[in-house]
Amino acid sequence: MMRGMNSRLKKLILAGGAVAALGVGGTALAGGIGSDDGTGKGDDGEGTAITGSQLDKASKIAIDQVGGGRVTGSELQDEEGYYEIEVTKDDGSQVDVHLDSHYNVLNAKGDGSGGDN
């Protein structure tokens, strides 16, 4: 009986360790998306990076808005919206998608072009 309990305890400890490791890795990944320099600031170094479920939701909307790509930067409460998501498209071009606090798209501007996409 004692041997079975030790085996279960070991499994619980290993499972708990795996869950904790995944949590730390996910946090590091989310923080890294919003910051190129590891400071936790947005992609231009001025604001705070978006993290967690806010980043997940805003990223999905931004990628859908521009027709695909990957998120390469984020900023919370910049001068153009509540959320800013930088999407790099497959062709290498970058688009900044600005959302309000309810995740409504305000605009999507190509970096350097100044126009809506």
N, C-alpha and C. Protein backbone atom coordinates (compact mmCIF):
# COMPACT_ATOMS: atom_id res chain seq x y z
N MET A 1 0.83 -1.20 0.00
CA MET A 1 0.00 0.00 0.00
C MET A 1 0.87 1.27 0.00
N MET A 2 1.90 1.28 0.80
CA MET A 2 2.78 2.44 0.89
C MET A 2 3.52 2.66 -0.42
N ARG A 3 3.89 1.57 -1.09
CA ARG A 3 4.61 1.67 -2.34
C ARG A 3 3.75 2.35 -3.42
N GLY A 4 2.47 2.03 -3.47
CA GLY A 4 1.54 2.64 -4.42
C GLY A 4 1.38 4.13 -4.17
N MET A 5 1.35 4.52 -2.91
CA MET A 5 1.22 5.93 -2.57
C MET A 5 2.46 6.70 -3.00
N ASN A 6 3.65 6.12 -2.81
CA ASN A 6 4.89 6.78 -3.23
C ASN A 6 4.91 6.99 -4.73
N SER A 7 4.44 5.99 -5.47
CA SER A 7 4.41 6.10 -6.92
C SER A 7 3.46 7.22 -7.35
N ARG A 8 2.29 7.29 -6.75
CA ARG A 8 1.33 8.35 -7.08
C ARG A 8 1.87 9.73 -6.70
N LEU A 9 2.51 9.79 -5.56
CA LEU A 9 3.08 11.07 -5.12
C LEU A 9 4.14 11.55 -6.10
N LYS A 10 5.00 10.64 -6.56
CA LYS A 10 6.03 11.01 -7.53
C LYS A 10 5.40 11.53 -8.82
N LYS A 11 4.33 10.85 -9.26
CA LYS A 11 3.66 11.27 -10.49
C LYS A 11 3.05 12.66 -10.32
N LEU A 12 2.45 12.91 -9.16
CA LEU A 12 1.86 14.23 -8.90
C LEU A 12 2.92 15.33 -8.89
N ILE A 13 4.04 15.02 -8.27
CA ILE A 13 5.13 16.01 -8.21
C ILE A 13 5.67 16.29 -9.61
N LEU A 14 5.87 15.24 -10.41
CA LEU A 14 6.36 15.43 -11.78
C LEU A 14 5.35 16.21 -12.62
N ALA A 15 4.07 15.89 -12.47
CA ALA A 15 3.03 16.61 -13.23
C ALA A 15 2.99 18.08 -12.82
N GLY A 16 3.09 18.35 -11.53
CA GLY A 16 3.09 19.73 -11.05
C GLY A 16 4.29 20.50 -11.58
N GLY A 17 5.44 19.86 -11.61
CA GLY A 17 6.64 20.51 -12.13
C GLY A 17 6.50 20.83 -13.61
N ALA A 18 5.89 19.90 -14.37
CA ALA A 18 5.69 20.14 -15.80
C ALA A 18 4.75 21.32 -16.04
N VAL A 19 3.68 21.39 -15.26
CA VAL A 19 2.73 22.49 -15.40
C VAL A 19 3.41 23.82 -15.06
N ALA A 20 4.21 23.84 -14.02
CA ALA A 20 4.91 25.07 -13.64
C ALA A 20 5.90 25.49 -14.73
N ALA A 21 6.60 24.52 -15.32
CA ALA A 21 7.56 24.85 -16.38
C ALA A 21 6.85 25.42 -17.59
N LEU A 22 5.70 24.86 -17.94
CA LEU A 22 4.94 25.39 -19.07
C LEU A 22 4.46 26.81 -18.79
N GLY A 23 4.05 27.07 -17.56
CA GLY A 23 3.60 28.41 -17.20
C GLY A 23 4.71 29.43 -17.33
N VAL A 24 5.90 29.09 -16.87
CA VAL A 24 7.04 30.00 -16.97
C VAL A 24 7.40 30.23 -18.43
N GLY A 25 7.40 29.16 -19.22
CA GLY A 25 7.73 29.29 -20.64
C GLY A 25 6.72 30.15 -21.37
N GLY A 26 5.44 29.99 -21.07
CA GLY A 26 4.40 30.78 -21.71
C GLY A 26 4.52 32.25 -21.37
N THR A 27 4.85 32.54 -20.11
CA THR A 27 5.03 33.92 -19.69
C THR A 27 6.21 34.55 -20.41
N ALA A 28 7.30 33.81 -20.54
CA ALA A 28 8.47 34.33 -21.23
C ALA A 28 8.17 34.58 -22.70
N LEU A 29 7.43 33.67 -23.32
CA LEU A 29 7.06 33.84 -24.72
C LEU A 29 6.18 35.07 -24.90
N ALA A 30 5.17 35.21 -24.06
CA ALA A 30 4.26 36.36 -24.18
C ALA A 30 5.02 37.66 -23.98
N GLY A 31 5.92 37.72 -23.02
CA GLY A 31 6.71 38.93 -22.80
C GLY A 31 7.63 39.22 -23.96
N GLY A 32 8.17 38.18 -24.57
CA GLY A 32 9.11 38.34 -25.67
C GLY A 32 8.45 38.87 -26.92
N ILE A 33 7.19 38.56 -27.14
CA ILE A 33 6.50 39.03 -28.33
C ILE A 33 6.39 40.54 -28.32
N GLY A 34 6.18 41.12 -27.16
CA GLY A 34 5.96 42.56 -27.09
C GLY A 34 7.22 43.38 -27.03
N SER A 35 8.38 42.74 -26.95
CA SER A 35 9.58 43.50 -26.73
C SER A 35 10.76 42.87 -27.46
N ASP A 36 11.42 43.64 -28.30
CA ASP A 36 12.61 43.14 -28.99
C ASP A 36 13.83 43.18 -28.10
N ASP A 37 13.84 44.05 -27.10
CA ASP A 37 15.04 44.24 -26.31
C ASP A 37 14.96 43.68 -24.89
N GLY A 38 13.89 42.97 -24.58
CA GLY A 38 13.76 42.35 -23.27
C GLY A 38 13.39 43.30 -22.14
N THR A 39 13.04 44.53 -22.45
CA THR A 39 12.73 45.51 -21.40
C THR A 39 11.29 45.42 -20.94
N GLY A 40 10.45 44.71 -21.70
CA GLY A 40 9.03 44.67 -21.38
C GLY A 40 8.28 45.83 -21.99
N LYS A 41 8.99 46.68 -22.72
CA LYS A 41 8.35 47.81 -23.40
C LYS A 41 7.89 47.35 -24.77
N GLY A 42 7.04 48.13 -25.39
CA GLY A 42 6.52 47.80 -26.70
C GLY A 42 7.61 47.80 -27.76
N ASP A 43 7.22 47.51 -29.00
CA ASP A 43 8.20 47.34 -30.06
C ASP A 43 8.99 48.60 -30.38
N ASP A 44 8.50 49.76 -30.04
CA ASP A 44 9.26 50.98 -30.28
C ASP A 44 9.97 51.47 -29.02
N GLY A 45 9.90 50.69 -27.95
CA GLY A 45 10.62 51.02 -26.72
C GLY A 45 9.93 52.02 -25.83
N GLU A 46 8.74 52.48 -26.18
CA GLU A 46 8.11 53.52 -25.39
C GLU A 46 7.03 53.02 -24.45
N GLY A 47 6.23 52.03 -24.85
CA GLY A 47 5.09 51.61 -24.06
C GLY A 47 5.28 50.24 -23.44
N THR A 48 4.21 49.77 -22.84
CA THR A 48 4.20 48.48 -22.18
C THR A 48 3.68 47.42 -23.13
N ALA A 49 4.34 46.28 -23.17
CA ALA A 49 3.93 45.18 -24.04
C ALA A 49 2.62 44.57 -23.53
N ILE A 50 1.82 44.07 -24.45
CA ILE A 50 0.59 43.38 -24.11
C ILE A 50 0.94 41.93 -23.80
N THR A 51 0.27 41.33 -22.81
CA THR A 51 0.55 39.95 -22.43
C THR A 51 -0.75 39.17 -22.21
N GLY A 52 -0.61 37.88 -22.04
CA GLY A 52 -1.70 37.01 -21.63
C GLY A 52 -2.86 36.95 -22.62
N SER A 53 -4.06 36.85 -22.06
CA SER A 53 -5.26 36.70 -22.89
C SER A 53 -5.52 37.95 -23.73
N GLN A 54 -5.11 39.12 -23.24
CA GLN A 54 -5.26 40.35 -24.03
C GLN A 54 -4.44 40.24 -25.31
N LEU A 55 -3.20 39.76 -25.18
CA LEU A 55 -2.33 39.59 -26.35
C LEU A 55 -2.92 38.56 -27.30
N ASP A 56 -3.41 37.44 -26.76
CA ASP A 56 -3.99 36.40 -27.60
C ASP A 56 -5.15 36.93 -28.43
N LYS A 57 -6.07 37.62 -27.77
CA LYS A 57 -7.27 38.13 -28.46
C LYS A 57 -6.91 39.22 -29.47
N ALA A 58 -6.11 40.18 -29.06
CA ALA A 58 -5.73 41.27 -29.95
C ALA A 58 -4.93 40.74 -31.15
N SER A 59 -4.07 39.76 -30.92
CA SER A 59 -3.26 39.19 -32.00
C SER A 59 -4.13 38.51 -33.05
N LYS A 60 -5.10 37.73 -32.61
CA LYS A 60 -5.99 37.03 -33.54
C LYS A 60 -6.74 38.04 -34.41
N ILE A 61 -7.26 39.07 -33.79
CA ILE A 61 -8.01 40.09 -34.54
C ILE A 61 -7.09 40.81 -35.53
N ALA A 62 -5.89 41.17 -35.10
CA ALA A 62 -4.96 41.89 -35.96
C ALA A 62 -4.53 41.04 -37.16
N ILE A 63 -4.22 39.78 -36.92
CA ILE A 63 -3.80 38.89 -38.01
C ILE A 63 -4.94 38.70 -39.00
N ASP A 64 -6.16 38.53 -38.49
CA ASP A 64 -7.33 38.42 -39.37
C ASP A 64 -7.51 39.70 -40.19
N GLN A 65 -7.29 40.85 -39.57
CA GLN A 65 -7.48 42.15 -40.23
C GLN A 65 -6.56 42.31 -41.43
N VAL A 66 -5.31 41.85 -41.31
CA VAL A 66 -4.33 42.05 -42.39
C VAL A 66 -4.21 40.84 -43.31
N GLY A 67 -4.96 39.79 -43.03
CA GLY A 67 -4.96 38.63 -43.92
C GLY A 67 -3.82 37.65 -43.71
N GLY A 68 -3.32 37.57 -42.48
CA GLY A 68 -2.27 36.60 -42.17
C GLY A 68 -0.97 37.25 -41.77
N GLY A 69 -0.07 36.44 -41.28
CA GLY A 69 1.24 36.91 -40.83
C GLY A 69 1.49 36.45 -39.41
N ARG A 70 2.47 37.08 -38.77
CA ARG A 70 2.79 36.74 -37.38
C ARG A 70 3.01 38.02 -36.58
N VAL A 71 2.68 37.94 -35.31
CA VAL A 71 2.83 39.10 -34.43
C VAL A 71 4.30 39.25 -34.06
N THR A 72 4.84 40.45 -34.30
CA THR A 72 6.24 40.72 -33.99
C THR A 72 6.42 41.86 -33.00
N GLY A 73 5.32 42.42 -32.52
CA GLY A 73 5.42 43.48 -31.52
C GLY A 73 4.05 43.83 -31.00
N SER A 74 4.02 44.43 -29.82
CA SER A 74 2.76 44.86 -29.24
C SER A 74 3.01 46.02 -28.29
N GLU A 75 1.98 46.82 -28.11
CA GLU A 75 2.08 47.94 -27.17
C GLU A 75 0.71 48.24 -26.61
N LEU A 76 0.67 48.48 -25.33
CA LEU A 76 -0.57 48.82 -24.64
C LEU A 76 -0.68 50.33 -24.52
N GLN A 77 -1.83 50.87 -24.89
CA GLN A 77 -2.16 52.29 -24.77
C GLN A 77 -1.14 53.21 -25.43
N ASP A 78 -0.96 53.03 -26.74
CA ASP A 78 -0.12 53.98 -27.46
C ASP A 78 -0.97 55.17 -27.89
N GLU A 79 -0.38 56.09 -28.65
CA GLU A 79 -1.08 57.31 -29.01
C GLU A 79 -2.21 57.10 -30.02
N GLU A 80 -2.27 55.94 -30.66
CA GLU A 80 -3.28 55.71 -31.70
C GLU A 80 -4.38 54.73 -31.30
N GLY A 81 -4.25 54.10 -30.15
CA GLY A 81 -5.29 53.17 -29.72
C GLY A 81 -4.93 52.52 -28.40
N TYR A 82 -5.85 51.74 -27.89
CA TYR A 82 -5.61 51.06 -26.62
C TYR A 82 -4.60 49.93 -26.80
N TYR A 83 -4.77 49.17 -27.90
CA TYR A 83 -3.83 48.09 -28.22
C TYR A 83 -3.19 48.39 -29.57
N GLU A 84 -1.89 48.14 -29.68
CA GLU A 84 -1.21 48.16 -30.97
C GLU A 84 -0.56 46.80 -31.17
N ILE A 85 -0.86 46.16 -32.28
CA ILE A 85 -0.25 44.88 -32.62
C ILE A 85 0.50 45.06 -33.93
N GLU A 86 1.78 44.76 -33.93
CA GLU A 86 2.58 44.81 -35.14
C GLU A 86 2.58 43.42 -35.76
N VAL A 87 2.13 43.33 -37.00
CA VAL A 87 2.08 42.06 -37.72
C VAL A 87 3.07 42.12 -38.88
N THR A 88 3.93 41.11 -38.97
CA THR A 88 4.81 40.97 -40.12
C THR A 88 4.19 39.95 -41.05
N LYS A 89 3.89 40.40 -42.26
CA LYS A 89 3.25 39.54 -43.24
C LYS A 89 4.29 38.62 -43.91
N ASP A 90 3.80 37.63 -44.62
CA ASP A 90 4.68 36.66 -45.27
C ASP A 90 5.65 37.30 -46.26
N ASP A 91 5.28 38.44 -46.84
CA ASP A 91 6.16 39.13 -47.80
C ASP A 91 7.19 40.02 -47.11
N GLY A 92 7.18 40.04 -45.78
CA GLY A 92 8.14 40.83 -45.01
C GLY A 92 7.65 42.21 -44.62
N SER A 93 6.55 42.65 -45.19
CA SER A 93 6.01 43.97 -44.84
C SER A 93 5.41 43.92 -43.43
N GLN A 94 5.38 45.06 -42.79
CA GLN A 94 4.85 45.16 -41.43
C GLN A 94 3.65 46.09 -41.41
N VAL A 95 2.65 45.70 -40.62
CA VAL A 95 1.44 46.49 -40.47
C VAL A 95 1.16 46.66 -38.98
N ASP A 96 0.93 47.89 -38.55
CA ASP A 96 0.52 48.16 -37.18
C ASP A 96 -1.00 48.24 -37.15
N VAL A 97 -1.61 47.37 -36.36
CA VAL A 97 -3.06 47.35 -36.22
C VAL A 97 -3.40 47.95 -34.87
N HIS A 98 -4.23 49.00 -34.87
CA HIS A 98 -4.64 49.67 -33.63
C HIS A 98 -6.07 49.28 -33.30
N LEU A 99 -6.29 48.91 -32.04
CA LEU A 99 -7.59 48.48 -31.55
C LEU A 99 -8.00 49.34 -30.37
N ASP A 100 -9.32 49.51 -30.18
CA ASP A 100 -9.77 50.18 -28.97
C ASP A 100 -9.82 49.19 -27.82
N SER A 101 -10.25 49.63 -26.65
CA SER A 101 -10.24 48.78 -25.46
C SER A 101 -11.24 47.63 -25.54
N HIS A 102 -12.13 47.67 -26.55
CA HIS A 102 -13.11 46.58 -26.75
C HIS A 102 -12.73 45.71 -27.94
N TYR A 103 -11.48 45.85 -28.40
CA TYR A 103 -10.91 45.06 -29.50
C TYR A 103 -11.52 45.38 -30.86
N ASN A 104 -12.08 46.57 -31.02
CA ASN A 104 -12.56 47.01 -32.33
C ASN A 104 -11.38 47.62 -33.08
N VAL A 105 -11.22 47.28 -34.36
CA VAL A 105 -10.12 47.80 -35.16
C VAL A 105 -10.35 49.28 -35.44
N LEU A 106 -9.36 50.09 -35.11
CA LEU A 106 -9.41 51.53 -35.39
C LEU A 106 -8.76 51.83 -36.74
N ASN A 107 -7.60 51.21 -36.99
CA ASN A 107 -6.91 51.36 -38.27
C ASN A 107 -5.83 50.30 -38.38
N ALA A 108 -5.32 50.14 -39.58
CA ALA A 108 -4.20 49.24 -39.86
C ALA A 108 -3.28 49.96 -40.82
N LYS A 109 -2.10 50.32 -40.34
CA LYS A 109 -1.17 51.12 -41.13
C LYS A 109 0.12 50.37 -41.38
N GLY A 110 0.54 50.36 -42.64
CA GLY A 110 1.83 49.79 -42.98
C GLY A 110 2.93 50.66 -42.42
N ASP A 111 3.96 50.04 -41.83
CA ASP A 111 5.07 50.82 -41.29
C ASP A 111 5.74 51.60 -42.40
N GLY A 112 5.82 52.89 -42.23
CA GLY A 112 6.49 53.75 -43.19
C GLY A 112 5.62 54.25 -44.32
N SER A 113 4.44 53.64 -44.51
CA SER A 113 3.60 54.06 -45.62
C SER A 113 2.63 55.16 -45.23
N GLY A 114 2.19 55.14 -43.96
CA GLY A 114 1.26 56.14 -43.48
C GLY A 114 -0.17 55.95 -43.92
N GLY A 115 -0.44 54.94 -44.77
CA GLY A 115 -1.81 54.72 -45.24
C GLY A 115 -2.43 53.48 -44.64
N ASP A 116 -3.74 53.40 -44.71
CA ASP A 116 -4.44 52.21 -44.25
C ASP A 116 -4.25 51.07 -45.24
N ASN A 117 -4.18 49.86 -44.72
CA ASN A 117 -4.09 48.65 -45.57
C ASN A 117 -5.42 47.96 -45.58
